[in-house]
Amino acid sequence: MFARIGRRIKKINLKLAFVFLIIIVLIYLALKTPKPQYFLPFFAGGLSLIIIGEIIRIWATGHLEKNKSLTTSGPYGYVKNPMYVGSFIIMLGFNAMAINPYIHYIIAVEVLGFLIYYVPYKRKIEGTRLLEKFGEAYADYNKSVPDYITRRLRAYNGPNSDKRWSKEVFKENNELHVALSVLAGVIAVTLRFWI
């Protein structure tokens, strides 16, 4: 049991800590008594974004076989980093649900943090590692598929692009824990309005 908890704690890294910090700040800053006519549209819009973001993450984690094969199927046929796209959409959803006067500043910090720190770091570390591990297959994939915003109407057709979503792969990637954390965040933001 303790070994399992230790593995989970090791998975908490800087990017995940940043996401949780933003969620905690949003919960704290959420207006305690929003005007009802403003609350429902922001809540519904934010919740919709969160659901879309989590669906993207679930779709991606059912295809991602870390360090086993080059993942080019599912959402990876459209963008190289669909889990981060999903996470970013979830974060925007929490921003909308928080309804606070500092929202513009929070979004700016999130976007700048992502673009200035995370994107260059990810490209350098993961790009190099994947090129070393998968060689020409990754070089072709890297050249053909954008990082975050798709410009393709058809998915990339390359090695492993015909793999289907797998429940076993989904479980291996521990996305259920992330989904439950997102659900807890939605409940916390929702309760913050009535407590």
N, C-alpha and C. Protein backbone atom coordinates (compact mmCIF):
# COMPACT_ATOMS: atom_id res chain seq x y z
N MET A 1 0.82 -1.20 0.00
CA MET A 1 0.00 0.00 0.00
C MET A 1 0.87 1.26 0.00
N PHE A 2 1.90 1.30 0.88
CA PHE A 2 2.75 2.48 0.97
C PHE A 2 3.57 2.67 -0.30
N ALA A 3 3.98 1.55 -0.92
CA ALA A 3 4.72 1.65 -2.19
C ALA A 3 3.84 2.28 -3.27
N ARG A 4 2.56 1.92 -3.27
CA ARG A 4 1.62 2.47 -4.24
C ARG A 4 1.44 3.97 -4.03
N ILE A 5 1.32 4.37 -2.78
CA ILE A 5 1.18 5.79 -2.46
C ILE A 5 2.45 6.54 -2.87
N GLY A 6 3.62 5.92 -2.62
CA GLY A 6 4.89 6.53 -3.01
C GLY A 6 4.99 6.75 -4.50
N ARG A 7 4.52 5.80 -5.31
CA ARG A 7 4.53 5.95 -6.77
C ARG A 7 3.63 7.10 -7.19
N ARG A 8 2.50 7.23 -6.54
CA ARG A 8 1.58 8.32 -6.89
C ARG A 8 2.18 9.68 -6.53
N ILE A 9 2.85 9.75 -5.39
CA ILE A 9 3.46 11.01 -4.97
C ILE A 9 4.56 11.40 -5.96
N LYS A 10 5.33 10.43 -6.47
CA LYS A 10 6.38 10.72 -7.45
C LYS A 10 5.80 11.31 -8.72
N LYS A 11 4.55 10.96 -9.04
CA LYS A 11 3.93 11.48 -10.26
C LYS A 11 3.54 12.95 -10.12
N ILE A 12 3.47 13.43 -8.89
CA ILE A 12 3.16 14.85 -8.70
C ILE A 12 4.43 15.63 -9.01
N ASN A 13 4.39 16.38 -10.07
CA ASN A 13 5.55 17.13 -10.49
C ASN A 13 5.18 18.60 -10.63
N LEU A 14 6.08 19.37 -11.16
CA LEU A 14 5.89 20.81 -11.22
C LEU A 14 4.65 21.20 -12.02
N LYS A 15 4.44 20.57 -13.18
CA LYS A 15 3.28 20.97 -13.99
C LYS A 15 1.97 20.63 -13.31
N LEU A 16 1.91 19.46 -12.65
CA LEU A 16 0.69 19.08 -11.95
C LEU A 16 0.48 19.98 -10.73
N ALA A 17 1.56 20.31 -10.04
CA ALA A 17 1.46 21.22 -8.90
C ALA A 17 0.95 22.58 -9.34
N PHE A 18 1.40 23.06 -10.51
CA PHE A 18 0.94 24.34 -11.05
C PHE A 18 -0.56 24.30 -11.31
N VAL A 19 -1.04 23.21 -11.90
CA VAL A 19 -2.47 23.07 -12.20
C VAL A 19 -3.28 23.09 -10.90
N PHE A 20 -2.84 22.32 -9.90
CA PHE A 20 -3.57 22.28 -8.64
C PHE A 20 -3.51 23.63 -7.92
N LEU A 21 -2.38 24.33 -8.02
CA LEU A 21 -2.28 25.66 -7.41
C LEU A 21 -3.28 26.62 -8.05
N ILE A 22 -3.38 26.59 -9.37
CA ILE A 22 -4.34 27.45 -10.07
C ILE A 22 -5.77 27.11 -9.63
N ILE A 23 -6.08 25.82 -9.54
CA ILE A 23 -7.43 25.41 -9.12
C ILE A 23 -7.72 25.91 -7.70
N ILE A 24 -6.75 25.79 -6.80
CA ILE A 24 -6.95 26.26 -5.42
C ILE A 24 -7.16 27.77 -5.40
N VAL A 25 -6.36 28.50 -6.17
CA VAL A 25 -6.52 29.96 -6.25
C VAL A 25 -7.90 30.31 -6.79
N LEU A 26 -8.35 29.61 -7.83
CA LEU A 26 -9.67 29.89 -8.40
C LEU A 26 -10.78 29.61 -7.39
N ILE A 27 -10.66 28.53 -6.65
CA ILE A 27 -11.66 28.22 -5.64
C ILE A 27 -11.69 29.33 -4.59
N TYR A 28 -10.50 29.76 -4.15
CA TYR A 28 -10.42 30.81 -3.15
C TYR A 28 -11.02 32.12 -3.65
N LEU A 29 -10.73 32.46 -4.91
CA LEU A 29 -11.18 33.74 -5.44
C LEU A 29 -12.63 33.72 -5.96
N ALA A 30 -13.22 32.54 -6.04
CA ALA A 30 -14.60 32.47 -6.55
C ALA A 30 -15.49 33.36 -5.69
N LEU A 31 -16.32 34.13 -6.34
CA LEU A 31 -17.22 35.01 -5.61
C LEU A 31 -18.18 34.18 -4.77
N LYS A 32 -18.34 34.56 -3.52
CA LYS A 32 -19.16 33.79 -2.60
C LYS A 32 -20.64 33.91 -2.94
N THR A 33 -21.05 35.07 -3.35
CA THR A 33 -22.46 35.27 -3.66
C THR A 33 -22.61 35.90 -5.04
N PRO A 34 -22.44 35.13 -6.09
CA PRO A 34 -22.59 35.71 -7.43
C PRO A 34 -24.06 36.04 -7.69
N LYS A 35 -24.26 37.02 -8.54
CA LYS A 35 -25.62 37.32 -8.93
C LYS A 35 -26.12 36.16 -9.78
N PRO A 36 -27.29 35.61 -9.49
CA PRO A 36 -27.76 34.41 -10.19
C PRO A 36 -27.75 34.53 -11.71
N GLN A 37 -28.06 35.72 -12.24
CA GLN A 37 -28.11 35.85 -13.70
C GLN A 37 -26.72 35.72 -14.31
N TYR A 38 -25.66 35.95 -13.54
CA TYR A 38 -24.30 35.79 -14.05
C TYR A 38 -23.74 34.40 -13.78
N PHE A 39 -24.14 33.81 -12.68
CA PHE A 39 -23.57 32.54 -12.26
C PHE A 39 -23.88 31.41 -13.24
N LEU A 40 -25.12 31.23 -13.63
CA LEU A 40 -25.50 30.07 -14.44
C LEU A 40 -24.80 30.02 -15.80
N PRO A 41 -24.73 31.10 -16.57
CA PRO A 41 -24.03 31.00 -17.86
C PRO A 41 -22.54 30.67 -17.70
N PHE A 42 -21.88 31.28 -16.72
CA PHE A 42 -20.46 31.00 -16.49
C PHE A 42 -20.27 29.58 -15.99
N PHE A 43 -21.15 29.15 -15.09
CA PHE A 43 -21.06 27.78 -14.57
C PHE A 43 -21.27 26.77 -15.70
N ALA A 44 -22.32 26.96 -16.50
CA ALA A 44 -22.62 26.03 -17.60
C ALA A 44 -21.50 26.02 -18.64
N GLY A 45 -21.02 27.21 -19.00
CA GLY A 45 -19.93 27.29 -19.97
C GLY A 45 -18.65 26.65 -19.44
N GLY A 46 -18.31 26.95 -18.19
CA GLY A 46 -17.12 26.37 -17.58
C GLY A 46 -17.23 24.86 -17.44
N LEU A 47 -18.39 24.39 -17.01
CA LEU A 47 -18.59 22.95 -16.87
C LEU A 47 -18.50 22.26 -18.22
N SER A 48 -19.04 22.89 -19.26
CA SER A 48 -18.94 22.33 -20.61
C SER A 48 -17.49 22.21 -21.05
N LEU A 49 -16.69 23.24 -20.79
CA LEU A 49 -15.27 23.18 -21.14
C LEU A 49 -14.55 22.09 -20.37
N ILE A 50 -14.87 21.96 -19.10
CA ILE A 50 -14.24 20.93 -18.27
C ILE A 50 -14.58 19.54 -18.80
N ILE A 51 -15.83 19.32 -19.16
CA ILE A 51 -16.24 18.02 -19.70
C ILE A 51 -15.52 17.74 -21.02
N ILE A 52 -15.46 18.73 -21.91
CA ILE A 52 -14.77 18.56 -23.19
C ILE A 52 -13.28 18.25 -22.95
N GLY A 53 -12.65 18.99 -22.05
CA GLY A 53 -11.25 18.76 -21.75
C GLY A 53 -10.99 17.37 -21.19
N GLU A 54 -11.87 16.92 -20.30
CA GLU A 54 -11.69 15.58 -19.72
C GLU A 54 -11.95 14.49 -20.75
N ILE A 55 -12.90 14.70 -21.64
CA ILE A 55 -13.14 13.72 -22.72
C ILE A 55 -11.89 13.60 -23.59
N ILE A 56 -11.26 14.72 -23.91
CA ILE A 56 -10.03 14.69 -24.70
C ILE A 56 -8.95 13.92 -23.96
N ARG A 57 -8.82 14.18 -22.66
CA ARG A 57 -7.80 13.47 -21.87
C ARG A 57 -8.09 11.97 -21.81
N ILE A 58 -9.33 11.60 -21.61
CA ILE A 58 -9.70 10.17 -21.55
C ILE A 58 -9.42 9.51 -22.90
N TRP A 59 -9.79 10.19 -23.97
CA TRP A 59 -9.53 9.67 -25.32
C TRP A 59 -8.02 9.46 -25.51
N ALA A 60 -7.23 10.44 -25.09
CA ALA A 60 -5.78 10.37 -25.26
C ALA A 60 -5.16 9.26 -24.40
N THR A 61 -5.57 9.16 -23.15
CA THR A 61 -4.94 8.17 -22.27
C THR A 61 -5.30 6.74 -22.65
N GLY A 62 -6.36 6.54 -23.38
CA GLY A 62 -6.69 5.21 -23.88
C GLY A 62 -5.85 4.79 -25.07
N HIS A 63 -5.06 5.71 -25.59
CA HIS A 63 -4.17 5.42 -26.72
C HIS A 63 -2.69 5.45 -26.32
N LEU A 64 -2.36 6.20 -25.27
CA LEU A 64 -0.96 6.46 -24.92
C LEU A 64 -0.30 5.27 -24.22
N GLU A 65 0.62 4.65 -24.92
CA GLU A 65 1.43 3.57 -24.34
C GLU A 65 2.82 4.13 -24.11
N LYS A 66 3.01 4.74 -22.96
CA LYS A 66 4.26 5.43 -22.64
C LYS A 66 5.46 4.49 -22.74
N ASN A 67 6.45 4.96 -23.46
CA ASN A 67 7.74 4.28 -23.61
C ASN A 67 7.65 2.88 -24.23
N LYS A 68 6.49 2.50 -24.76
CA LYS A 68 6.35 1.19 -25.39
C LYS A 68 6.33 1.31 -26.91
N SER A 69 5.56 2.28 -27.39
CA SER A 69 5.49 2.49 -28.84
C SER A 69 5.19 3.96 -29.09
N LEU A 70 5.47 4.40 -30.31
CA LEU A 70 5.16 5.77 -30.70
C LEU A 70 3.65 5.87 -30.88
N THR A 71 3.01 6.68 -30.07
CA THR A 71 1.56 6.81 -30.11
C THR A 71 1.16 7.82 -31.18
N THR A 72 0.48 7.35 -32.21
CA THR A 72 0.02 8.22 -33.29
C THR A 72 -1.46 8.02 -33.57
N SER A 73 -2.14 7.25 -32.76
CA SER A 73 -3.56 6.96 -32.98
C SER A 73 -4.44 7.89 -32.14
N GLY A 74 -5.74 7.83 -32.41
CA GLY A 74 -6.69 8.65 -31.66
C GLY A 74 -6.38 10.12 -31.81
N PRO A 75 -6.43 10.88 -30.71
CA PRO A 75 -6.17 12.31 -30.80
C PRO A 75 -4.73 12.64 -31.15
N TYR A 76 -3.83 11.68 -30.95
CA TYR A 76 -2.42 11.88 -31.30
C TYR A 76 -2.22 11.95 -32.81
N GLY A 77 -3.22 11.58 -33.58
CA GLY A 77 -3.17 11.73 -35.03
C GLY A 77 -3.45 13.16 -35.46
N TYR A 78 -3.95 13.98 -34.54
CA TYR A 78 -4.28 15.38 -34.85
C TYR A 78 -3.32 16.36 -34.18
N VAL A 79 -2.94 16.09 -32.93
CA VAL A 79 -1.97 16.91 -32.21
C VAL A 79 -1.05 16.01 -31.41
N LYS A 80 0.19 16.47 -31.20
CA LYS A 80 1.16 15.64 -30.48
C LYS A 80 0.88 15.60 -28.98
N ASN A 81 0.20 16.59 -28.46
CA ASN A 81 0.01 16.71 -27.01
C ASN A 81 -1.45 16.87 -26.61
N PRO A 82 -2.31 15.91 -26.94
CA PRO A 82 -3.73 16.08 -26.64
C PRO A 82 -4.05 16.11 -25.14
N MET A 83 -3.23 15.47 -24.32
CA MET A 83 -3.50 15.51 -22.88
C MET A 83 -3.31 16.92 -22.33
N TYR A 84 -2.33 17.64 -22.87
CA TYR A 84 -2.12 19.01 -22.43
C TYR A 84 -3.19 19.94 -22.99
N VAL A 85 -3.66 19.65 -24.19
CA VAL A 85 -4.77 20.42 -24.75
C VAL A 85 -5.99 20.24 -23.85
N GLY A 86 -6.28 18.99 -23.48
CA GLY A 86 -7.40 18.71 -22.59
C GLY A 86 -7.25 19.41 -21.25
N SER A 87 -6.05 19.34 -20.68
CA SER A 87 -5.80 19.98 -19.38
C SER A 87 -5.98 21.50 -19.47
N PHE A 88 -5.52 22.09 -20.57
CA PHE A 88 -5.65 23.53 -20.75
C PHE A 88 -7.13 23.92 -20.87
N ILE A 89 -7.91 23.12 -21.59
CA ILE A 89 -9.35 23.39 -21.71
C ILE A 89 -10.02 23.25 -20.35
N ILE A 90 -9.62 22.26 -19.57
CA ILE A 90 -10.16 22.09 -18.21
C ILE A 90 -9.84 23.32 -17.37
N MET A 91 -8.61 23.81 -17.47
CA MET A 91 -8.23 24.99 -16.71
C MET A 91 -9.06 26.21 -17.11
N LEU A 92 -9.31 26.37 -18.40
CA LEU A 92 -10.17 27.47 -18.85
C LEU A 92 -11.59 27.31 -18.30
N GLY A 93 -12.06 26.07 -18.22
CA GLY A 93 -13.38 25.81 -17.65
C GLY A 93 -13.45 26.22 -16.19
N PHE A 94 -12.42 25.89 -15.43
CA PHE A 94 -12.40 26.31 -14.02
C PHE A 94 -12.33 27.83 -13.91
N ASN A 95 -11.60 28.46 -14.83
CA ASN A 95 -11.55 29.93 -14.84
C ASN A 95 -12.95 30.51 -15.02
N ALA A 96 -13.70 29.96 -15.97
CA ALA A 96 -15.05 30.47 -16.23
C ALA A 96 -15.95 30.24 -15.02
N MET A 97 -15.84 29.08 -14.39
CA MET A 97 -16.70 28.77 -13.24
C MET A 97 -16.39 29.64 -12.02
N ALA A 98 -15.15 30.12 -11.91
CA ALA A 98 -14.74 30.86 -10.72
C ALA A 98 -15.37 32.25 -10.63
N ILE A 99 -15.75 32.84 -11.74
CA ILE A 99 -16.37 34.17 -11.78
C ILE A 99 -15.75 35.11 -10.76
N ASN A 100 -14.58 35.63 -11.08
CA ASN A 100 -13.98 36.59 -10.17
C ASN A 100 -13.34 37.74 -10.95
N PRO A 101 -13.11 38.87 -10.28
CA PRO A 101 -12.60 40.04 -10.98
C PRO A 101 -11.15 39.90 -11.44
N TYR A 102 -10.44 38.89 -10.99
CA TYR A 102 -9.04 38.71 -11.35
C TYR A 102 -8.84 37.71 -12.49
N ILE A 103 -9.91 37.29 -13.10
CA ILE A 103 -9.86 36.21 -14.08
C ILE A 103 -8.90 36.51 -15.24
N HIS A 104 -8.87 37.74 -15.71
CA HIS A 104 -7.98 38.09 -16.83
C HIS A 104 -6.51 37.90 -16.45
N TYR A 105 -6.18 38.26 -15.22
CA TYR A 105 -4.80 38.12 -14.75
C TYR A 105 -4.43 36.65 -14.60
N ILE A 106 -5.37 35.87 -14.07
CA ILE A 106 -5.11 34.45 -13.86
C ILE A 106 -4.90 33.75 -15.20
N ILE A 107 -5.75 34.03 -16.17
CA ILE A 107 -5.61 33.42 -17.49
C ILE A 107 -4.28 33.84 -18.13
N ALA A 108 -3.91 35.10 -17.97
CA ALA A 108 -2.63 35.57 -18.52
C ALA A 108 -1.46 34.82 -17.90
N VAL A 109 -1.48 34.62 -16.59
CA VAL A 109 -0.41 33.88 -15.92
C VAL A 109 -0.37 32.44 -16.42
N GLU A 110 -1.54 31.83 -16.56
CA GLU A 110 -1.61 30.44 -17.04
C GLU A 110 -1.04 30.32 -18.46
N VAL A 111 -1.48 31.20 -19.34
CA VAL A 111 -1.03 31.13 -20.74
C VAL A 111 0.46 31.42 -20.83
N LEU A 112 0.91 32.46 -20.14
CA LEU A 112 2.34 32.79 -20.18
C LEU A 112 3.19 31.67 -19.58
N GLY A 113 2.74 31.12 -18.46
CA GLY A 113 3.47 30.01 -17.85
C GLY A 113 3.57 28.82 -18.80
N PHE A 114 2.49 28.55 -19.48
CA PHE A 114 2.46 27.44 -20.42
C PHE A 114 3.38 27.70 -21.61
N LEU A 115 3.27 28.89 -22.20
CA LEU A 115 4.04 29.20 -23.40
C LEU A 115 5.52 29.47 -23.13
N ILE A 116 5.82 30.13 -22.04
CA ILE A 116 7.21 30.52 -21.76
C ILE A 116 7.99 29.40 -21.09
N TYR A 117 7.37 28.69 -20.16
CA TYR A 117 8.10 27.66 -19.44
C TYR A 117 7.86 26.27 -20.03
N TYR A 118 6.63 25.87 -20.12
CA TYR A 118 6.34 24.47 -20.38
C TYR A 118 6.57 24.04 -21.83
N VAL A 119 6.10 24.82 -22.79
CA VAL A 119 6.23 24.42 -24.20
C VAL A 119 7.70 24.22 -24.60
N PRO A 120 8.61 25.17 -24.32
CA PRO A 120 10.01 24.93 -24.69
C PRO A 120 10.62 23.73 -23.95
N TYR A 121 10.28 23.58 -22.68
CA TYR A 121 10.79 22.46 -21.89
C TYR A 121 10.32 21.13 -22.49
N LYS A 122 9.06 21.05 -22.81
CA LYS A 122 8.49 19.81 -23.37
C LYS A 122 9.14 19.47 -24.70
N ARG A 123 9.26 20.47 -25.56
CA ARG A 123 9.88 20.23 -26.88
C ARG A 123 11.31 19.70 -26.73
N LYS A 124 12.06 20.32 -25.85
CA LYS A 124 13.47 19.94 -25.69
C LYS A 124 13.60 18.53 -25.10
N ILE A 125 12.96 18.29 -24.00
CA ILE A 125 13.13 17.02 -23.28
C ILE A 125 12.45 15.87 -24.03
N GLU A 126 11.16 16.00 -24.29
CA GLU A 126 10.43 14.89 -24.91
C GLU A 126 10.79 14.70 -26.36
N GLY A 127 10.98 15.77 -27.10
CA GLY A 127 11.34 15.64 -28.51
C GLY A 127 12.64 14.88 -28.69
N THR A 128 13.63 15.23 -27.89
CA THR A 128 14.92 14.55 -27.96
C THR A 128 14.78 13.07 -27.58
N ARG A 129 14.08 12.81 -26.50
CA ARG A 129 13.91 11.43 -26.03
C ARG A 129 13.16 10.58 -27.06
N LEU A 130 12.08 11.13 -27.61
CA LEU A 130 11.30 10.36 -28.60
C LEU A 130 12.08 10.14 -29.90
N LEU A 131 12.86 11.13 -30.30
CA LEU A 131 13.69 10.97 -31.50
C LEU A 131 14.73 9.87 -31.30
N GLU A 132 15.35 9.85 -30.12
CA GLU A 132 16.33 8.80 -29.82
C GLU A 132 15.67 7.42 -29.78
N LYS A 133 14.48 7.35 -29.22
CA LYS A 133 13.82 6.06 -29.03
C LYS A 133 13.17 5.54 -30.31
N PHE A 134 12.53 6.43 -31.09
CA PHE A 134 11.75 5.98 -32.24
C PHE A 134 12.31 6.43 -33.59
N GLY A 135 13.37 7.20 -33.59
CA GLY A 135 14.10 7.55 -34.81
C GLY A 135 13.27 8.22 -35.88
N GLU A 136 13.39 7.72 -37.10
CA GLU A 136 12.76 8.30 -38.28
C GLU A 136 11.23 8.35 -38.16
N ALA A 137 10.64 7.35 -37.50
CA ALA A 137 9.18 7.34 -37.34
C ALA A 137 8.74 8.58 -36.56
N TYR A 138 9.48 8.93 -35.49
CA TYR A 138 9.13 10.13 -34.73
C TYR A 138 9.43 11.39 -35.53
N ALA A 139 10.54 11.42 -36.26
CA ALA A 139 10.89 12.60 -37.06
C ALA A 139 9.78 12.91 -38.05
N ASP A 140 9.24 11.89 -38.72
CA ASP A 140 8.14 12.09 -39.66
C ASP A 140 6.87 12.56 -38.94
N TYR A 141 6.56 11.93 -37.83
CA TYR A 141 5.39 12.31 -37.02
C TYR A 141 5.54 13.75 -36.53
N ASN A 142 6.71 14.09 -36.02
CA ASN A 142 6.97 15.43 -35.50
C ASN A 142 6.80 16.49 -36.59
N LYS A 143 7.22 16.17 -37.79
CA LYS A 143 7.10 17.10 -38.92
C LYS A 143 5.65 17.22 -39.40
N SER A 144 4.88 16.15 -39.27
CA SER A 144 3.53 16.09 -39.85
C SER A 144 2.41 16.54 -38.92
N VAL A 145 2.62 16.45 -37.61
CA VAL A 145 1.53 16.71 -36.66
C VAL A 145 1.90 17.90 -35.77
N PRO A 146 0.99 18.89 -35.64
CA PRO A 146 1.27 20.06 -34.80
C PRO A 146 1.26 19.70 -33.31
N ASP A 147 1.85 20.57 -32.51
CA ASP A 147 1.94 20.31 -31.07
C ASP A 147 0.59 20.40 -30.36
N TYR A 148 -0.13 21.51 -30.55
CA TYR A 148 -1.31 21.75 -29.71
C TYR A 148 -2.59 22.10 -30.47
N ILE A 149 -2.49 22.74 -31.59
CA ILE A 149 -3.69 23.16 -32.33
C ILE A 149 -3.67 22.46 -33.68
N THR A 150 -4.68 21.64 -33.92
CA THR A 150 -4.69 20.86 -35.14
C THR A 150 -4.95 21.73 -36.36
N ARG A 151 -4.33 21.32 -37.44
CA ARG A 151 -4.60 21.96 -38.72
C ARG A 151 -4.96 20.88 -39.74
N ARG A 152 -5.28 19.72 -39.21
CA ARG A 152 -5.58 18.56 -40.04
C ARG A 152 -7.06 18.20 -39.94
N LEU A 153 -7.66 17.86 -41.07
CA LEU A 153 -9.03 17.35 -41.05
C LEU A 153 -9.02 15.82 -40.99
N ARG A 154 -7.93 15.24 -41.44
CA ARG A 154 -7.77 13.78 -41.35
C ARG A 154 -6.59 13.49 -40.43
N ALA A 155 -6.71 12.41 -39.70
CA ALA A 155 -5.66 12.04 -38.76
C ALA A 155 -4.40 11.60 -39.50
N TYR A 156 -3.27 11.75 -38.84
CA TYR A 156 -1.97 11.31 -39.33
C TYR A 156 -2.04 9.81 -39.62
N ASN A 157 -1.48 9.41 -40.73
CA ASN A 157 -1.48 8.01 -41.11
C ASN A 157 -0.03 7.52 -41.12
N GLY A 158 0.37 6.92 -40.02
CA GLY A 158 1.74 6.43 -39.90
C GLY A 158 1.78 5.21 -39.02
N PRO A 159 2.95 4.88 -38.50
CA PRO A 159 3.06 3.70 -37.64
C PRO A 159 2.12 3.80 -36.44
N ASN A 160 1.43 2.73 -36.13
CA ASN A 160 0.54 2.62 -34.97
C ASN A 160 -0.70 3.50 -35.05
N SER A 161 -0.96 4.15 -36.18
CA SER A 161 -2.09 5.07 -36.25
C SER A 161 -3.45 4.35 -36.31
N ASP A 162 -3.42 3.03 -36.48
CA ASP A 162 -4.68 2.30 -36.55
C ASP A 162 -5.08 1.67 -35.21
N LYS A 163 -4.33 1.93 -34.14
CA LYS A 163 -4.68 1.38 -32.83
C LYS A 163 -5.98 1.98 -32.33
N ARG A 164 -6.73 1.18 -31.60
CA ARG A 164 -8.01 1.64 -31.05
C ARG A 164 -7.84 1.97 -29.58
N TRP A 165 -8.81 2.73 -29.07
CA TRP A 165 -8.82 3.08 -27.65
C TRP A 165 -8.86 1.81 -26.82
N SER A 166 -8.10 1.77 -25.73
CA SER A 166 -8.01 0.56 -24.91
C SER A 166 -8.29 0.89 -23.45
N LYS A 167 -9.21 0.16 -22.88
CA LYS A 167 -9.54 0.33 -21.46
C LYS A 167 -8.33 0.00 -20.59
N GLU A 168 -7.57 -1.02 -20.98
CA GLU A 168 -6.39 -1.41 -20.21
C GLU A 168 -5.33 -0.31 -20.22
N VAL A 169 -5.11 0.28 -21.39
CA VAL A 169 -4.14 1.38 -21.50
C VAL A 169 -4.63 2.58 -20.69
N PHE A 170 -5.92 2.86 -20.77
CA PHE A 170 -6.53 3.94 -19.98
C PHE A 170 -6.24 3.73 -18.49
N LYS A 171 -6.45 2.51 -18.00
CA LYS A 171 -6.20 2.21 -16.58
C LYS A 171 -4.73 2.39 -16.22
N GLU A 172 -3.83 1.93 -17.10
CA GLU A 172 -2.39 2.06 -16.85
C GLU A 172 -1.98 3.51 -16.67
N ASN A 173 -2.63 4.41 -17.37
CA ASN A 173 -2.27 5.83 -17.33
C ASN A 173 -2.90 6.58 -16.17
N ASN A 174 -3.66 5.91 -15.33
CA ASN A 174 -4.24 6.50 -14.11
C ASN A 174 -5.08 7.75 -14.36
N GLU A 175 -5.75 7.80 -15.51
CA GLU A 175 -6.58 8.97 -15.81
C GLU A 175 -7.80 9.05 -14.90
N LEU A 176 -8.25 7.93 -14.38
CA LEU A 176 -9.40 7.94 -13.49
C LEU A 176 -9.13 8.83 -12.27
N HIS A 177 -7.90 8.80 -11.76
CA HIS A 177 -7.53 9.64 -10.62
C HIS A 177 -7.61 11.12 -10.99
N VAL A 178 -7.17 11.45 -12.19
CA VAL A 178 -7.24 12.83 -12.66
C VAL A 178 -8.70 13.25 -12.80
N ALA A 179 -9.51 12.39 -13.40
CA ALA A 179 -10.93 12.70 -13.59
C ALA A 179 -11.62 12.92 -12.25
N LEU A 180 -11.30 12.10 -11.26
CA LEU A 180 -11.88 12.27 -9.93
C LEU A 180 -11.40 13.56 -9.27
N SER A 181 -10.15 13.94 -9.51
CA SER A 181 -9.64 15.22 -8.99
C SER A 181 -10.37 16.40 -9.64
N VAL A 182 -10.61 16.29 -10.95
CA VAL A 182 -11.34 17.34 -11.66
C VAL A 182 -12.77 17.43 -11.11
N LEU A 183 -13.40 16.29 -10.90
CA LEU A 183 -14.75 16.27 -10.32
C LEU A 183 -14.75 16.91 -8.94
N ALA A 184 -13.75 16.61 -8.12
CA ALA A 184 -13.64 17.22 -6.79
C ALA A 184 -13.50 18.73 -6.91
N GLY A 185 -12.73 19.20 -7.90
CA GLY A 185 -12.59 20.64 -8.13
C GLY A 185 -13.90 21.29 -8.52
N VAL A 186 -14.66 20.62 -9.39
CA VAL A 186 -15.97 21.15 -9.80
C VAL A 186 -16.89 21.24 -8.58
N ILE A 187 -16.89 20.21 -7.77
CA ILE A 187 -17.74 20.22 -6.56
C ILE A 187 -17.30 21.33 -5.62
N ALA A 188 -15.98 21.50 -5.45
CA ALA A 188 -15.48 22.54 -4.55
C ALA A 188 -15.85 23.93 -5.04
N VAL A 189 -15.70 24.19 -6.34
CA VAL A 189 -16.08 25.51 -6.87
C VAL A 189 -17.58 25.71 -6.71
N THR A 190 -18.36 24.69 -6.99
CA THR A 190 -19.81 24.78 -6.87
C THR A 190 -20.22 25.06 -5.43
N LEU A 191 -19.66 24.33 -4.49
CA LEU A 191 -19.99 24.51 -3.08
C LEU A 191 -19.55 25.88 -2.57
N ARG A 192 -18.47 26.40 -3.12
CA ARG A 192 -17.94 27.70 -2.69
C ARG A 192 -18.99 28.81 -2.86
N PHE A 193 -19.89 28.64 -3.79
CA PHE A 193 -20.92 29.66 -4.01
C PHE A 193 -22.01 29.63 -2.94
N TRP A 194 -22.19 28.51 -2.25
CA TRP A 194 -23.28 28.40 -1.29
C TRP A 194 -22.82 28.26 0.14
N ILE A 195 -21.51 28.22 0.36
CA ILE A 195 -21.00 28.08 1.73
C ILE A 195 -20.65 29.43 2.29
